[in-house]
Amino acid sequence: MLLGFKTELKVNIAQRILLAKHAGTARHAYNWGLALCQKLLKYNKENPEERLKFPSSIDLHKLLVALVKPTCKWYYEES
């Protein structure tokens, strides 16, 4: 038999703001990586003789740190 438990967080205003910031930062990073992968797929489809290697998660993380974080200083506000 499987049991499930529901829990509810009781957060104050400051905690709610921090949770929203964390979620927004994660969403931005995910959307950035998704857009990059979609561009690579489109390029590989249009140029089958010059296919580019699809990045791993480690490659995407290194690119995010190198390219996006210097321009988006608000990334460093969240962990």
PDB file of N, CA and C in Angstrom:
ATOM      1  N   MET A   1       0.837  -1.164   0.000  1.00  0.00           N
ATOM      2  CA  MET A   1       0.000   0.000   0.000  1.00  0.00           C
ATOM      3  C   MET A   1       0.894   1.244   0.000  1.00  0.00           C
ATOM      4  N   LEU A   2       0.554   2.199  -0.834  1.00  0.00           N
ATOM      5  CA  LEU A   2       1.295   3.450  -0.908  1.00  0.00           C
ATOM      6  C   LEU A   2       0.550   4.532  -0.150  1.00  0.00           C
ATOM      7  N   LEU A   3       1.270   5.268   0.632  1.00  0.00           N
ATOM      8  CA  LEU A   3       0.681   6.377   1.375  1.00  0.00           C
ATOM      9  C   LEU A   3       1.238   7.686   0.837  1.00  0.00           C
ATOM     10  N   GLY A   4       0.408   8.681   0.810  1.00  0.00           N
ATOM     11  CA  GLY A   4       0.841  10.005   0.387  1.00  0.00           C
ATOM     12  C   GLY A   4       0.581  11.015   1.485  1.00  0.00           C
ATOM     13  N   PHE A   5       1.438  11.968   1.577  1.00  0.00           N
ATOM     14  CA  PHE A   5       1.290  13.013   2.580  1.00  0.00           C
ATOM     15  C   PHE A   5       1.308  14.365   1.889  1.00  0.00           C
ATOM     16  N   LYS A   6       0.383  15.198   2.255  1.00  0.00           N
ATOM     17  CA  LYS A   6       0.368  16.558   1.742  1.00  0.00           C
ATOM     18  C   LYS A   6       0.966  17.465   2.798  1.00  0.00           C
ATOM     19  N   THR A   7       1.823  18.336   2.338  1.00  0.00           N
ATOM     20  CA  THR A   7       2.393  19.326   3.252  1.00  0.00           C
ATOM     21  C   THR A   7       2.178  20.702   2.663  1.00  0.00           C
ATOM     22  N   GLU A   8       2.009  21.648   3.505  1.00  0.00           N
ATOM     23  CA  GLU A   8       1.812  23.028   3.080  1.00  0.00           C
ATOM     24  C   GLU A   8       2.848  23.887   3.777  1.00  0.00           C
ATOM     25  N   LEU A   9       3.522  24.701   2.990  1.00  0.00           N
ATOM     26  CA  LEU A   9       4.496  25.612   3.566  1.00  0.00           C
ATOM     27  C   LEU A   9       3.789  26.872   4.036  1.00  0.00           C
ATOM     28  N   LYS A  10       4.105  27.278   5.211  1.00  0.00           N
ATOM     29  CA  LYS A  10       3.564  28.532   5.726  1.00  0.00           C
ATOM     30  C   LYS A  10       4.717  29.537   5.723  1.00  0.00           C
ATOM     31  N   VAL A  11       4.779  30.302   4.655  1.00  0.00           N
ATOM     32  CA  VAL A  11       5.889  31.234   4.478  1.00  0.00           C
ATOM     33  C   VAL A  11       5.418  32.666   4.694  1.00  0.00           C
ATOM     34  N   ASN A  12       6.341  33.470   5.171  1.00  0.00           N
ATOM     35  CA  ASN A  12       6.018  34.888   5.325  1.00  0.00           C
ATOM     36  C   ASN A  12       6.347  35.616   4.022  1.00  0.00           C
ATOM     37  N   ILE A  13       6.186  36.910   4.013  1.00  0.00           N
ATOM     38  CA  ILE A  13       6.365  37.699   2.792  1.00  0.00           C
ATOM     39  C   ILE A  13       7.805  37.616   2.279  1.00  0.00           C
ATOM     40  N   ALA A  14       8.789  37.740   3.178  1.00  0.00           N
ATOM     41  CA  ALA A  14      10.197  37.696   2.758  1.00  0.00           C
ATOM     42  C   ALA A  14      10.539  36.337   2.160  1.00  0.00           C
ATOM     43  N   GLN A  15      10.056  35.271   2.772  1.00  0.00           N
ATOM     44  CA  GLN A  15      10.308  33.926   2.244  1.00  0.00           C
ATOM     45  C   GLN A  15       9.609  33.717   0.909  1.00  0.00           C
ATOM     46  N   ARG A  16       8.429  34.271   0.765  1.00  0.00           N
ATOM     47  CA  ARG A  16       7.686  34.154  -0.494  1.00  0.00           C
ATOM     48  C   ARG A  16       8.451  34.843  -1.634  1.00  0.00           C
ATOM     49  N   ILE A  17       9.031  36.003  -1.335  1.00  0.00           N
ATOM     50  CA  ILE A  17       9.822  36.716  -2.339  1.00  0.00           C
ATOM     51  C   ILE A  17      11.052  35.904  -2.724  1.00  0.00           C
ATOM     52  N   LEU A  18      11.746  35.315  -1.737  1.00  0.00           N
ATOM     53  CA  LEU A  18      12.920  34.491  -2.030  1.00  0.00           C
ATOM     54  C   LEU A  18      12.548  33.267  -2.867  1.00  0.00           C
ATOM     55  N   LEU A  19      11.438  32.630  -2.547  1.00  0.00           N
ATOM     56  CA  LEU A  19      10.998  31.469  -3.327  1.00  0.00           C
ATOM     57  C   LEU A  19      10.708  31.869  -4.777  1.00  0.00           C
ATOM     58  N   ALA A  20      10.080  33.012  -4.962  1.00  0.00           N
ATOM     59  CA  ALA A  20       9.783  33.485  -6.319  1.00  0.00           C
ATOM     60  C   ALA A  20      11.066  33.815  -7.082  1.00  0.00           C
ATOM     61  N   LYS A  21      12.052  34.399  -6.404  1.00  0.00           N
ATOM     62  CA  LYS A  21      13.334  34.703  -7.051  1.00  0.00           C
ATOM     63  C   LYS A  21      14.051  33.434  -7.480  1.00  0.00           C
ATOM     64  N   HIS A  22      14.074  32.440  -6.602  1.00  0.00           N
ATOM     65  CA  HIS A  22      14.712  31.170  -6.936  1.00  0.00           C
ATOM     66  C   HIS A  22      14.017  30.512  -8.129  1.00  0.00           C
ATOM     67  N   ALA A  23      12.705  30.511  -8.115  1.00  0.00           N
ATOM     68  CA  ALA A  23      11.954  29.903  -9.222  1.00  0.00           C
ATOM     69  C   ALA A  23      12.182  30.665 -10.523  1.00  0.00           C
ATOM     70  N   GLY A  24      12.245  31.989 -10.451  1.00  0.00           N
ATOM     71  CA  GLY A  24      12.480  32.794 -11.636  1.00  0.00           C
ATOM     72  C   GLY A  24      13.862  32.576 -12.221  1.00  0.00           C
ATOM     73  N   THR A  25      14.873  32.453 -11.357  1.00  0.00           N
ATOM     74  CA  THR A  25      16.226  32.199 -11.822  1.00  0.00           C
ATOM     75  C   THR A  25      16.326  30.824 -12.480  1.00  0.00           C
ATOM     76  N   ALA A  26      15.718  29.828 -11.865  1.00  0.00           N
ATOM     77  CA  ALA A  26      15.735  28.476 -12.438  1.00  0.00           C
ATOM     78  C   ALA A  26      14.994  28.449 -13.771  1.00  0.00           C
ATOM     79  N   ARG A  27      13.890  29.161 -13.849  1.00  0.00           N
ATOM     80  CA  ARG A  27      13.113  29.207 -15.091  1.00  0.00           C
ATOM     81  C   ARG A  27      13.919  29.885 -16.203  1.00  0.00           C
ATOM     82  N   HIS A  28      14.619  30.967 -15.877  1.00  0.00           N
ATOM     83  CA  HIS A  28      15.428  31.663 -16.868  1.00  0.00           C
ATOM     84  C   HIS A  28      16.541  30.754 -17.388  1.00  0.00           C
ATOM     85  N   ALA A  29      17.226  30.043 -16.479  1.00  0.00           N
ATOM     86  CA  ALA A  29      18.310  29.146 -16.885  1.00  0.00           C
ATOM     87  C   ALA A  29      17.771  28.017 -17.766  1.00  0.00           C
ATOM     88  N   TYR A  30      16.629  27.454 -17.403  1.00  0.00           N
ATOM     89  CA  TYR A  30      16.032  26.374 -18.197  1.00  0.00           C
ATOM     90  C   TYR A  30      15.646  26.874 -19.589  1.00  0.00           C
ATOM     91  N   ASN A  31      14.998  28.019 -19.651  1.00  0.00           N
ATOM     92  CA  ASN A  31      14.577  28.569 -20.944  1.00  0.00           C
ATOM     93  C   ASN A  31      15.774  28.928 -21.817  1.00  0.00           C
ATOM     94  N   TRP A  32      16.857  29.417 -21.211  1.00  0.00           N
ATOM     95  CA  TRP A  32      18.067  29.731 -21.963  1.00  0.00           C
ATOM     96  C   TRP A  32      18.648  28.463 -22.576  1.00  0.00           C
ATOM     97  N   GLY A  33      18.764  27.405 -21.781  1.00  0.00           N
ATOM     98  CA  GLY A  33      19.299  26.145 -22.279  1.00  0.00           C
ATOM     99  C   GLY A  33      18.409  25.523 -23.342  1.00  0.00           C
ATOM    100  N   LEU A  34      17.104  25.618 -23.151  1.00  0.00           N
ATOM    101  CA  LEU A  34      16.161  25.078 -24.133  1.00  0.00           C
ATOM    102  C   LEU A  34      16.276  25.817 -25.456  1.00  0.00           C
ATOM    103  N   ALA A  35      16.374  27.133 -25.413  1.00  0.00           N
ATOM    104  CA  ALA A  35      16.509  27.924 -26.644  1.00  0.00           C
ATOM    105  C   ALA A  35      17.813  27.586 -27.366  1.00  0.00           C
ATOM    106  N   LEU A  36      18.888  27.419 -26.614  1.00  0.00           N
ATOM    107  CA  LEU A  36      20.170  27.058 -27.224  1.00  0.00           C
ATOM    108  C   LEU A  36      20.089  25.696 -27.909  1.00  0.00           C
ATOM    109  N   CYS A  37      19.476  24.727 -27.247  1.00  0.00           N
ATOM    110  CA  CYS A  37      19.342  23.385 -27.831  1.00  0.00           C
ATOM    111  C   CYS A  37      18.442  23.412 -29.064  1.00  0.00           C
ATOM    112  N   GLN A  38      17.392  24.201 -29.027  1.00  0.00           N
ATOM    113  CA  GLN A  38      16.512  24.297 -30.195  1.00  0.00           C
ATOM    114  C   GLN A  38      17.237  24.935 -31.375  1.00  0.00           C
ATOM    115  N   LYS A  39      18.081  25.935 -31.114  1.00  0.00           N
ATOM    116  CA  LYS A  39      18.871  26.545 -32.189  1.00  0.00           C
ATOM    117  C   LYS A  39      19.838  25.532 -32.792  1.00  0.00           C
ATOM    118  N   LEU A  40      20.452  24.706 -31.948  1.00  0.00           N
ATOM    119  CA  LEU A  40      21.360  23.676 -32.448  1.00  0.00           C
ATOM    120  C   LEU A  40      20.625  22.649 -33.302  1.00  0.00           C
ATOM    121  N   LEU A  41      19.458  22.236 -32.857  1.00  0.00           N
ATOM    122  CA  LEU A  41      18.677  21.272 -33.636  1.00  0.00           C
ATOM    123  C   LEU A  41      18.281  21.850 -34.986  1.00  0.00           C
ATOM    124  N   LYS A  42      17.884  23.113 -34.989  1.00  0.00           N
ATOM    125  CA  LYS A  42      17.497  23.761 -36.240  1.00  0.00           C
ATOM    126  C   LYS A  42      18.700  23.875 -37.175  1.00  0.00           C
ATOM    127  N   TYR A  43      19.847  24.255 -36.631  1.00  0.00           N
ATOM    128  CA  TYR A  43      21.063  24.370 -37.442  1.00  0.00           C
ATOM    129  C   TYR A  43      21.451  23.011 -38.029  1.00  0.00           C
ATOM    130  N   ASN A  44      21.409  21.959 -37.211  1.00  0.00           N
ATOM    131  CA  ASN A  44      21.773  20.623 -37.689  1.00  0.00           C
ATOM    132  C   ASN A  44      20.798  20.118 -38.746  1.00  0.00           C
ATOM    133  N   LYS A  45      19.551  20.505 -38.630  1.00  0.00           N
ATOM    134  CA  LYS A  45      18.562  20.094 -39.625  1.00  0.00           C
ATOM    135  C   LYS A  45      18.803  20.805 -40.958  1.00  0.00           C
ATOM    136  N   GLU A  46      19.183  22.079 -40.894  1.00  0.00           N
ATOM    137  CA  GLU A  46      19.417  22.856 -42.115  1.00  0.00           C
ATOM    138  C   GLU A  46      20.773  22.559 -42.738  1.00  0.00           C
ATOM    139  N   ASN A  47      21.739  22.130 -41.945  1.00  0.00           N
ATOM    140  CA  ASN A  47      23.100  21.851 -42.421  1.00  0.00           C
ATOM    141  C   ASN A  47      23.515  20.438 -42.028  1.00  0.00           C
ATOM    142  N   PRO A  48      23.006  19.416 -42.709  1.00  0.00           N
ATOM    143  CA  PRO A  48      23.332  18.043 -42.290  1.00  0.00           C
ATOM    144  C   PRO A  48      24.796  17.666 -42.494  1.00  0.00           C
ATOM    145  N   GLU A  49      25.499  18.351 -43.395  1.00  0.00           N
ATOM    146  CA  GLU A  49      26.904  18.019 -43.618  1.00  0.00           C
ATOM    147  C   GLU A  49      27.816  18.674 -42.573  1.00  0.00           C
ATOM    148  N   GLU A  50      27.350  19.681 -41.860  1.00  0.00           N
ATOM    149  CA  GLU A  50      28.141  20.389 -40.838  1.00  0.00           C
ATOM    150  C   GLU A  50      27.460  20.301 -39.480  1.00  0.00           C
ATOM    151  N   ARG A  51      27.135  19.121 -39.074  1.00  0.00           N
ATOM    152  CA  ARG A  51      26.408  18.940 -37.809  1.00  0.00           C
ATOM    153  C   ARG A  51      27.267  19.344 -36.614  1.00  0.00           C
ATOM    154  N   LEU A  52      26.650  20.038 -35.679  1.00  0.00           N
ATOM    155  CA  LEU A  52      27.328  20.422 -34.442  1.00  0.00           C
ATOM    156  C   LEU A  52      26.997  19.408 -33.348  1.00  0.00           C
ATOM    157  N   LYS A  53      27.929  19.218 -32.441  1.00  0.00           N
ATOM    158  CA  LYS A  53      27.728  18.294 -31.327  1.00  0.00           C
ATOM    159  C   LYS A  53      26.678  18.864 -30.375  1.00  0.00           C
ATOM    160  N   PHE A  54      25.796  18.002 -29.914  1.00  0.00           N
ATOM    161  CA  PHE A  54      24.770  18.417 -28.965  1.00  0.00           C
ATOM    162  C   PHE A  54      25.403  18.532 -27.578  1.00  0.00           C
ATOM    163  N   PRO A  55      25.181  19.628 -26.846  1.00  0.00           N
ATOM    164  CA  PRO A  55      25.869  19.825 -25.563  1.00  0.00           C
ATOM    165  C   PRO A  55      25.301  18.939 -24.456  1.00  0.00           C
ATOM    166  N   SER A  56      26.186  18.527 -23.556  1.00  0.00           N
ATOM    167  CA  SER A  56      25.745  17.796 -22.374  1.00  0.00           C
ATOM    168  C   SER A  56      25.304  18.808 -21.315  1.00  0.00           C
ATOM    169  N   SER A  57      24.814  18.304 -20.206  1.00  0.00           N
ATOM    170  CA  SER A  57      24.391  19.212 -19.139  1.00  0.00           C
ATOM    171  C   SER A  57      25.584  19.973 -18.564  1.00  0.00           C
ATOM    172  N   ILE A  58      26.741  19.321 -18.515  1.00  0.00           N
ATOM    173  CA  ILE A  58      27.944  19.991 -18.010  1.00  0.00           C
ATOM    174  C   ILE A  58      28.368  21.105 -18.971  1.00  0.00           C
ATOM    175  N   ASP A  59      28.284  20.816 -20.279  1.00  0.00           N
ATOM    176  CA  ASP A  59      28.614  21.852 -21.268  1.00  0.00           C
ATOM    177  C   ASP A  59      27.669  23.047 -21.139  1.00  0.00           C
ATOM    178  N   LEU A  60      26.384  22.766 -20.967  1.00  0.00           N
ATOM    179  CA  LEU A  60      25.412  23.850 -20.821  1.00  0.00           C
ATOM    180  C   LEU A  60      25.691  24.673 -19.563  1.00  0.00           C
ATOM    181  N   HIS A  61      26.058  24.004 -18.472  1.00  0.00           N
ATOM    182  CA  HIS A  61      26.354  24.724 -17.238  1.00  0.00           C
ATOM    183  C   HIS A  61      27.572  25.624 -17.412  1.00  0.00           C
ATOM    184  N   LYS A  62      28.608  25.112 -18.074  1.00  0.00           N
ATOM    185  CA  LYS A  62      29.802  25.933 -18.305  1.00  0.00           C
ATOM    186  C   LYS A  62      29.485  27.138 -19.184  1.00  0.00           C
ATOM    187  N   LEU A  63      28.659  26.920 -20.198  1.00  0.00           N
ATOM    188  CA  LEU A  63      28.260  28.048 -21.055  1.00  0.00           C
ATOM    189  C   LEU A  63      27.435  29.067 -20.289  1.00  0.00           C
ATOM    190  N   LEU A  64      26.545  28.583 -19.442  1.00  0.00           N
ATOM    191  CA  LEU A  64      25.717  29.489 -18.649  1.00  0.00           C
ATOM    192  C   LEU A  64      26.581  30.367 -17.765  1.00  0.00           C
ATOM    193  N   VAL A  65      27.552  29.770 -17.098  1.00  0.00           N
ATOM    194  CA  VAL A  65      28.436  30.530 -16.217  1.00  0.00           C
ATOM    195  C   VAL A  65      29.275  31.524 -17.020  1.00  0.00           C
ATOM    196  N   ALA A  66      29.760  31.091 -18.189  1.00  0.00           N
ATOM    197  CA  ALA A  66      30.652  31.941 -18.971  1.00  0.00           C
ATOM    198  C   ALA A  66      29.931  33.066 -19.707  1.00  0.00           C
ATOM    199  N   LEU A  67      28.728  32.797 -20.230  1.00  0.00           N
ATOM    200  CA  LEU A  67      28.063  33.759 -21.098  1.00  0.00           C
ATOM    201  C   LEU A  67      26.947  34.557 -20.426  1.00  0.00           C
ATOM    202  N   VAL A  68      26.141  33.900 -19.624  1.00  0.00           N
ATOM    203  CA  VAL A  68      24.931  34.545 -19.119  1.00  0.00           C
ATOM    204  C   VAL A  68      25.165  35.236 -17.779  1.00  0.00           C
ATOM    205  N   LYS A  69      25.849  34.579 -16.878  1.00  0.00           N
ATOM    206  CA  LYS A  69      25.999  35.148 -15.543  1.00  0.00           C
ATOM    207  C   LYS A  69      26.717  36.493 -15.515  1.00  0.00           C
ATOM    208  N   PRO A  70      27.746  36.738 -16.359  1.00  0.00           N
ATOM    209  CA  PRO A  70      28.360  38.074 -16.336  1.00  0.00           C
ATOM    210  C   PRO A  70      27.403  39.187 -16.768  1.00  0.00           C
ATOM    211  N   THR A  71      26.451  38.871 -17.640  1.00  0.00           N
ATOM    212  CA  THR A  71      25.512  39.902 -18.101  1.00  0.00           C
ATOM    213  C   THR A  71      24.297  40.009 -17.205  1.00  0.00           C
ATOM    214  N   CYS A  72      23.966  38.963 -16.492  1.00  0.00           N
ATOM    215  CA  CYS A  72      22.800  38.958 -15.594  1.00  0.00           C
ATOM    216  C   CYS A  72      23.293  38.872 -14.157  1.00  0.00           C
ATOM    217  N   LYS A  73      23.575  40.007 -13.559  1.00  0.00           N
ATOM    218  CA  LYS A  73      24.139  40.029 -12.201  1.00  0.00           C
ATOM    219  C   LYS A  73      23.166  39.494 -11.154  1.00  0.00           C
ATOM    220  N   TRP A  74      21.873  39.498 -11.447  1.00  0.00           N
ATOM    221  CA  TRP A  74      20.884  39.041 -10.485  1.00  0.00           C
ATOM    222  C   TRP A  74      20.952  37.538 -10.267  1.00  0.00           C
ATOM    223  N   TYR A  75      21.691  36.795 -11.101  1.00  0.00           N
ATOM    224  CA  TYR A  75      21.878  35.363 -10.874  1.00  0.00           C
ATOM    225  C   TYR A  75      22.597  35.120  -9.555  1.00  0.00           C
ATOM    226  N   TYR A  76      23.495  36.044  -9.182  1.00  0.00           N
ATOM    227  CA  TYR A  76      24.299  35.864  -7.982  1.00  0.00           C
ATOM    228  C   TYR A  76      23.542  36.199  -6.700  1.00  0.00           C
ATOM    229  N   GLU A  77      22.349  36.726  -6.822  1.00  0.00           N
ATOM    230  CA  GLU A  77      21.545  36.977  -5.630  1.00  0.00           C
ATOM    231  C   GLU A  77      20.968  35.685  -5.063  1.00  0.00           C
ATOM    232  N   GLU A  78      20.850  34.672  -5.921  1.00  0.00           N
ATOM    233  CA  GLU A  78      20.273  33.396  -5.504  1.00  0.00           C
ATOM    234  C   GLU A  78      21.357  32.333  -5.495  1.00  0.00           C
ATOM    235  N   SER A  79      21.133  31.286  -4.756  1.00  0.00           N
ATOM    236  CA  SER A  79      22.135  30.221  -4.714  1.00  0.00           C
ATOM    237  C   SER A  79      21.917  29.223  -5.816  1.00  0.00           C
TER     238      SER A  79
END
